[in-house]
Amino acid sequence: MTDQRLMSMGKACSLALGEAIAAKNTQLL
């Protein structure tokens, strides 16, 4: 796997994680 592919995967993971956290926060509110 190339570094670029790894980076894009990491970005996708970060986005998904951020969305999950945002969804949890809105549920708490």
C-alpha atoms as a PDB file:
ATOM      1  CA  MET A   1       0.000   0.000   0.000  1.00  0.00           C
ATOM      2  CA  THR A   2       1.305   3.444  -0.907  1.00  0.00           C
ATOM      3  CA  ASP A   3       1.565   6.307   1.566  1.00  0.00           C
ATOM      4  CA  GLN A   4      -1.014   8.310  -0.360  1.00  0.00           C
ATOM      5  CA  ARG A   5      -3.549   5.517  -0.107  1.00  0.00           C
ATOM      6  CA  LEU A   6      -2.815   5.121   3.588  1.00  0.00           C
ATOM      7  CA  MET A   7      -3.295   8.865   4.109  1.00  0.00           C
ATOM      8  CA  SER A   8      -6.655   8.913   2.326  1.00  0.00           C
ATOM      9  CA  MET A   9      -7.763   5.930   4.412  1.00  0.00           C
ATOM     10  CA  GLY A  10      -6.719   7.757   7.566  1.00  0.00           C
ATOM     11  CA  LYS A  11      -8.640  10.837   6.457  1.00  0.00           C
ATOM     12  CA  ALA A  12     -11.759   8.766   5.800  1.00  0.00           C
ATOM     13  CA  CYS A  13     -11.411   7.181   9.254  1.00  0.00           C
ATOM     14  CA  SER A  14     -11.030  10.585  10.891  1.00  0.00           C
ATOM     15  CA  LEU A  15     -14.123  11.872   9.078  1.00  0.00           C
ATOM     16  CA  ALA A  16     -16.185   8.840  10.067  1.00  0.00           C
ATOM     17  CA  LEU A  17     -14.979   9.137  13.659  1.00  0.00           C
ATOM     18  CA  GLY A  18     -15.802  12.851  13.739  1.00  0.00           C
ATOM     19  CA  GLU A  19     -19.292  12.153  12.407  1.00  0.00           C
ATOM     20  CA  ALA A  20     -19.853   9.437  15.003  1.00  0.00           C
ATOM     21  CA  ILE A  21     -18.755  11.789  17.795  1.00  0.00           C
ATOM     22  CA  ALA A  22     -20.965  14.577  16.446  1.00  0.00           C
ATOM     23  CA  ALA A  23     -23.945  12.202  16.284  1.00  0.00           C
ATOM     24  CA  LYS A  24     -23.315  11.101  19.874  1.00  0.00           C
ATOM     25  CA  ASN A  25     -23.065  14.720  21.044  1.00  0.00           C
ATOM     26  CA  THR A  26     -26.362  15.647  19.385  1.00  0.00           C
ATOM     27  CA  GLN A  27     -28.014  12.637  21.019  1.00  0.00           C
ATOM     28  CA  LEU A  28     -26.759  13.738  24.433  1.00  0.00           C
ATOM     29  CA  LEU A  29     -28.194  17.205  23.874  1.00  0.00           C
END
